[in-house]
Amino acid sequence: MRLRFYLLITVLAIVLSGSGVYAEHPLSMGGCDCDIGRYQLFQGTYTSIDLKKQETSTHTGIFLIDTKTGKVKRYLNKIDEEGRYIETWLPTELPIKK
């Protein structure tokens, strides 16, 4: 009888400690790691318009889309007038002036 009691306590301790570890992992409880696959790269073309010269030109670029917010950025790398190398992501949205 006493052996069964100790065996039951040991089994319960193992089961309860295993459940505690299982419940601590966020993906094990049906949660999701929402940042996986959130950002996507793609190549596309865009058109720039020079209003002063009344000219348009088409360019190819690399874009980064945030599927959670819908924001799109364009990759830019160039050498500026002072000879510095610039590498950045430019937002494609125009700022709204109030």
N, C-alpha and C. Protein backbone atom coordinates (compact mmCIF):
# COMPACT_ATOMS: atom_id res chain seq x y z
N MET A 1 0.82 -1.19 0.00
CA MET A 1 0.00 0.00 0.00
C MET A 1 0.86 1.26 0.00
N ARG A 2 1.88 1.26 0.86
CA ARG A 2 2.76 2.41 0.96
C ARG A 2 3.55 2.60 -0.33
N LEU A 3 3.96 1.52 -0.99
CA LEU A 3 4.70 1.58 -2.24
C LEU A 3 3.82 2.19 -3.34
N ARG A 4 2.56 1.80 -3.39
CA ARG A 4 1.64 2.37 -4.38
C ARG A 4 1.46 3.88 -4.17
N PHE A 5 1.40 4.30 -2.92
CA PHE A 5 1.24 5.72 -2.62
C PHE A 5 2.45 6.50 -3.13
N TYR A 6 3.67 6.02 -2.87
CA TYR A 6 4.88 6.70 -3.34
C TYR A 6 4.98 6.67 -4.87
N LEU A 7 4.55 5.57 -5.45
CA LEU A 7 4.56 5.47 -6.90
C LEU A 7 3.56 6.46 -7.51
N LEU A 8 2.39 6.58 -6.91
CA LEU A 8 1.39 7.53 -7.38
C LEU A 8 1.90 8.97 -7.26
N ILE A 9 2.55 9.32 -6.15
CA ILE A 9 3.11 10.66 -5.94
C ILE A 9 4.20 10.93 -6.98
N THR A 10 5.05 9.94 -7.26
CA THR A 10 6.12 10.12 -8.24
C THR A 10 5.55 10.33 -9.64
N VAL A 11 4.56 9.55 -10.03
CA VAL A 11 3.94 9.69 -11.34
C VAL A 11 3.27 11.06 -11.45
N LEU A 12 2.56 11.49 -10.44
CA LEU A 12 1.92 12.81 -10.47
C LEU A 12 2.95 13.93 -10.57
N ALA A 13 4.06 13.79 -9.86
CA ALA A 13 5.11 14.82 -9.93
C ALA A 13 5.69 14.90 -11.33
N ILE A 14 5.91 13.75 -11.97
CA ILE A 14 6.45 13.75 -13.34
C ILE A 14 5.45 14.36 -14.31
N VAL A 15 4.19 13.98 -14.20
CA VAL A 15 3.16 14.48 -15.11
C VAL A 15 2.98 15.99 -14.92
N LEU A 16 2.93 16.45 -13.69
CA LEU A 16 2.73 17.87 -13.44
C LEU A 16 3.93 18.70 -13.87
N SER A 17 5.15 18.20 -13.65
CA SER A 17 6.31 18.97 -14.08
C SER A 17 6.41 18.99 -15.60
N GLY A 18 6.02 17.91 -16.26
CA GLY A 18 6.01 17.90 -17.73
C GLY A 18 4.99 18.86 -18.29
N SER A 19 3.84 18.98 -17.65
CA SER A 19 2.81 19.91 -18.11
C SER A 19 3.26 21.35 -17.94
N GLY A 20 4.01 21.62 -16.88
CA GLY A 20 4.50 22.98 -16.66
C GLY A 20 5.47 23.41 -17.74
N VAL A 21 6.34 22.52 -18.15
CA VAL A 21 7.29 22.84 -19.22
C VAL A 21 6.54 23.01 -20.52
N TYR A 22 5.56 22.19 -20.77
CA TYR A 22 4.78 22.26 -22.01
C TYR A 22 4.03 23.59 -22.08
N ALA A 23 3.46 24.03 -20.98
CA ALA A 23 2.65 25.24 -20.99
C ALA A 23 3.49 26.50 -21.10
N GLU A 24 4.78 26.44 -20.77
CA GLU A 24 5.61 27.63 -20.83
C GLU A 24 6.02 27.98 -22.26
N HIS A 25 6.01 27.04 -23.17
CA HIS A 25 6.43 27.30 -24.54
C HIS A 25 5.27 27.92 -25.30
N PRO A 26 5.44 29.14 -25.87
CA PRO A 26 4.30 29.83 -26.48
C PRO A 26 3.73 29.13 -27.70
N LEU A 27 4.55 28.45 -28.48
CA LEU A 27 4.05 27.78 -29.67
C LEU A 27 3.30 26.49 -29.34
N SER A 28 3.58 25.92 -28.17
CA SER A 28 2.93 24.67 -27.82
C SER A 28 1.47 24.86 -27.42
N MET A 29 1.08 26.07 -27.09
CA MET A 29 -0.30 26.32 -26.66
C MET A 29 -1.15 26.89 -27.80
N GLY A 30 -0.71 26.69 -29.04
CA GLY A 30 -1.50 27.16 -30.17
C GLY A 30 -1.18 28.58 -30.57
N GLY A 31 -0.21 29.23 -29.89
CA GLY A 31 0.19 30.57 -30.28
C GLY A 31 1.00 30.52 -31.56
N CYS A 32 1.30 31.67 -32.12
CA CYS A 32 2.08 31.68 -33.34
C CYS A 32 3.21 32.67 -33.20
N ASP A 33 4.28 32.38 -33.88
CA ASP A 33 5.38 33.33 -33.97
C ASP A 33 5.10 34.15 -35.22
N CYS A 34 4.42 35.27 -35.07
CA CYS A 34 3.88 36.03 -36.19
C CYS A 34 4.94 36.72 -37.03
N ASP A 35 6.18 36.79 -36.57
CA ASP A 35 7.22 37.43 -37.36
C ASP A 35 7.81 36.50 -38.42
N ILE A 36 7.53 35.21 -38.35
CA ILE A 36 8.03 34.28 -39.37
C ILE A 36 7.25 34.53 -40.65
N GLY A 37 7.95 34.89 -41.71
CA GLY A 37 7.32 35.17 -42.99
C GLY A 37 6.69 36.55 -43.08
N ARG A 38 6.92 37.38 -42.09
CA ARG A 38 6.30 38.71 -42.08
C ARG A 38 6.90 39.61 -43.16
N TYR A 39 8.21 39.57 -43.35
CA TYR A 39 8.87 40.43 -44.33
C TYR A 39 9.18 39.62 -45.58
N GLN A 40 8.88 40.22 -46.74
CA GLN A 40 9.12 39.54 -48.01
C GLN A 40 9.86 40.48 -48.95
N LEU A 41 10.85 39.93 -49.66
CA LEU A 41 11.60 40.68 -50.65
C LEU A 41 11.06 40.36 -52.04
N PHE A 42 11.01 41.35 -52.90
CA PHE A 42 10.67 41.09 -54.28
C PHE A 42 11.31 42.15 -55.17
N GLN A 43 11.49 41.80 -56.42
CA GLN A 43 12.06 42.72 -57.39
C GLN A 43 10.95 43.21 -58.30
N GLY A 44 10.98 44.49 -58.61
CA GLY A 44 9.95 45.05 -59.47
C GLY A 44 10.42 46.33 -60.13
N THR A 45 9.55 46.91 -60.89
CA THR A 45 9.87 48.16 -61.57
C THR A 45 9.03 49.29 -60.99
N TYR A 46 9.58 50.47 -61.06
CA TYR A 46 8.85 51.65 -60.62
C TYR A 46 9.17 52.80 -61.56
N THR A 47 8.30 53.76 -61.60
CA THR A 47 8.46 54.92 -62.48
C THR A 47 8.64 56.16 -61.63
N SER A 48 9.65 56.95 -61.99
CA SER A 48 9.84 58.23 -61.31
C SER A 48 9.48 59.35 -62.28
N ILE A 49 8.91 60.40 -61.74
CA ILE A 49 8.44 61.52 -62.55
C ILE A 49 9.17 62.79 -62.12
N ASP A 50 9.77 63.47 -63.08
CA ASP A 50 10.39 64.77 -62.85
C ASP A 50 9.41 65.82 -63.35
N LEU A 51 8.74 66.51 -62.43
CA LEU A 51 7.71 67.47 -62.82
C LEU A 51 8.29 68.71 -63.49
N LYS A 52 9.51 69.11 -63.12
CA LYS A 52 10.11 70.30 -63.73
C LYS A 52 10.47 70.06 -65.19
N LYS A 53 11.05 68.89 -65.46
CA LYS A 53 11.47 68.58 -66.84
C LYS A 53 10.37 67.89 -67.65
N GLN A 54 9.28 67.54 -66.98
CA GLN A 54 8.18 66.81 -67.63
C GLN A 54 8.67 65.49 -68.23
N GLU A 55 9.50 64.75 -67.45
CA GLU A 55 10.06 63.48 -67.91
C GLU A 55 9.71 62.37 -66.92
N THR A 56 9.58 61.18 -67.45
CA THR A 56 9.42 59.99 -66.61
C THR A 56 10.51 59.00 -66.96
N SER A 57 10.90 58.20 -65.98
CA SER A 57 11.88 57.15 -66.23
C SER A 57 11.50 55.92 -65.41
N THR A 58 11.74 54.77 -66.00
CA THR A 58 11.40 53.50 -65.36
C THR A 58 12.68 52.86 -64.83
N HIS A 59 12.61 52.34 -63.60
CA HIS A 59 13.75 51.73 -62.93
C HIS A 59 13.36 50.36 -62.39
N THR A 60 14.35 49.52 -62.19
CA THR A 60 14.17 48.22 -61.52
C THR A 60 14.72 48.35 -60.11
N GLY A 61 14.01 47.80 -59.14
CA GLY A 61 14.46 47.90 -57.76
C GLY A 61 14.09 46.68 -56.94
N ILE A 62 14.64 46.64 -55.74
CA ILE A 62 14.34 45.58 -54.78
C ILE A 62 13.47 46.20 -53.69
N PHE A 63 12.37 45.53 -53.37
CA PHE A 63 11.40 46.05 -52.42
C PHE A 63 11.25 45.09 -51.25
N LEU A 64 10.94 45.66 -50.08
CA LEU A 64 10.69 44.90 -48.87
C LEU A 64 9.27 45.24 -48.42
N ILE A 65 8.43 44.21 -48.31
CA ILE A 65 7.05 44.45 -47.87
C ILE A 65 6.87 43.83 -46.48
N ASP A 66 6.26 44.60 -45.61
CA ASP A 66 5.89 44.14 -44.28
C ASP A 66 4.44 43.67 -44.37
N THR A 67 4.23 42.37 -44.35
CA THR A 67 2.89 41.83 -44.56
C THR A 67 1.96 42.10 -43.38
N LYS A 68 2.51 42.47 -42.25
CA LYS A 68 1.66 42.78 -41.09
C LYS A 68 1.08 44.18 -41.19
N THR A 69 1.89 45.16 -41.64
CA THR A 69 1.43 46.55 -41.70
C THR A 69 1.10 46.99 -43.12
N GLY A 70 1.60 46.28 -44.13
CA GLY A 70 1.36 46.66 -45.52
C GLY A 70 2.33 47.70 -46.05
N LYS A 71 3.30 48.11 -45.24
CA LYS A 71 4.26 49.12 -45.68
C LYS A 71 5.29 48.50 -46.62
N VAL A 72 5.70 49.29 -47.61
CA VAL A 72 6.67 48.85 -48.61
C VAL A 72 7.84 49.81 -48.60
N LYS A 73 9.07 49.24 -48.62
CA LYS A 73 10.28 50.05 -48.69
C LYS A 73 11.09 49.60 -49.90
N ARG A 74 11.84 50.55 -50.47
CA ARG A 74 12.70 50.26 -51.62
C ARG A 74 14.15 50.34 -51.20
N TYR A 75 14.95 49.36 -51.65
CA TYR A 75 16.37 49.31 -51.33
C TYR A 75 17.13 50.32 -52.17
N LEU A 76 18.00 51.08 -51.53
CA LEU A 76 18.80 52.09 -52.22
C LEU A 76 20.25 51.93 -51.82
N ASN A 77 21.12 51.85 -52.82
CA ASN A 77 22.56 51.91 -52.57
C ASN A 77 23.18 52.79 -53.66
N LYS A 78 23.94 53.77 -53.23
CA LYS A 78 24.55 54.70 -54.17
C LYS A 78 25.73 55.40 -53.50
N ILE A 79 26.49 56.11 -54.30
CA ILE A 79 27.57 56.95 -53.80
C ILE A 79 27.12 58.40 -53.97
N ASP A 80 27.11 59.14 -52.86
CA ASP A 80 26.62 60.52 -52.92
C ASP A 80 27.68 61.47 -53.49
N GLU A 81 27.37 62.75 -53.52
CA GLU A 81 28.25 63.75 -54.11
C GLU A 81 29.60 63.86 -53.39
N GLU A 82 29.62 63.52 -52.10
CA GLU A 82 30.84 63.61 -51.31
C GLU A 82 31.64 62.31 -51.32
N GLY A 83 31.20 61.32 -52.11
CA GLY A 83 31.92 60.06 -52.22
C GLY A 83 31.59 59.04 -51.15
N ARG A 84 30.57 59.28 -50.35
CA ARG A 84 30.17 58.32 -49.31
C ARG A 84 29.22 57.29 -49.89
N TYR A 85 29.41 56.04 -49.45
CA TYR A 85 28.52 54.96 -49.88
C TYR A 85 27.29 54.95 -48.99
N ILE A 86 26.12 55.00 -49.60
CA ILE A 86 24.84 55.01 -48.87
C ILE A 86 24.09 53.73 -49.21
N GLU A 87 23.63 53.06 -48.17
CA GLU A 87 22.85 51.84 -48.32
C GLU A 87 21.72 51.90 -47.30
N THR A 88 20.47 51.94 -47.78
CA THR A 88 19.34 52.11 -46.88
C THR A 88 18.05 51.60 -47.52
N TRP A 89 17.00 51.55 -46.72
CA TRP A 89 15.65 51.22 -47.20
C TRP A 89 14.83 52.50 -47.16
N LEU A 90 14.30 52.91 -48.31
CA LEU A 90 13.48 54.13 -48.39
C LEU A 90 12.00 53.76 -48.35
N PRO A 91 11.22 54.45 -47.53
CA PRO A 91 9.77 54.20 -47.55
C PRO A 91 9.18 54.66 -48.87
N THR A 92 8.17 53.98 -49.34
CA THR A 92 7.55 54.33 -50.62
C THR A 92 6.35 55.24 -50.43
N GLU A 93 5.89 55.42 -49.20
CA GLU A 93 4.74 56.27 -48.95
C GLU A 93 5.20 57.72 -48.88
N LEU A 94 4.38 58.59 -49.40
CA LEU A 94 4.66 60.02 -49.30
C LEU A 94 4.11 60.53 -47.98
N PRO A 95 4.88 61.39 -47.28
CA PRO A 95 4.34 61.92 -46.02
C PRO A 95 3.17 62.85 -46.29
N ILE A 96 2.18 62.78 -45.43
CA ILE A 96 0.99 63.61 -45.57
C ILE A 96 1.22 64.91 -44.79
N LYS A 97 1.12 66.03 -45.51
CA LYS A 97 1.30 67.33 -44.87
C LYS A 97 -0.06 67.90 -44.52
N LYS A 98 -0.17 68.40 -43.31
CA LYS A 98 -1.44 68.97 -42.85
C LYS A 98 -1.35 70.46 -42.77
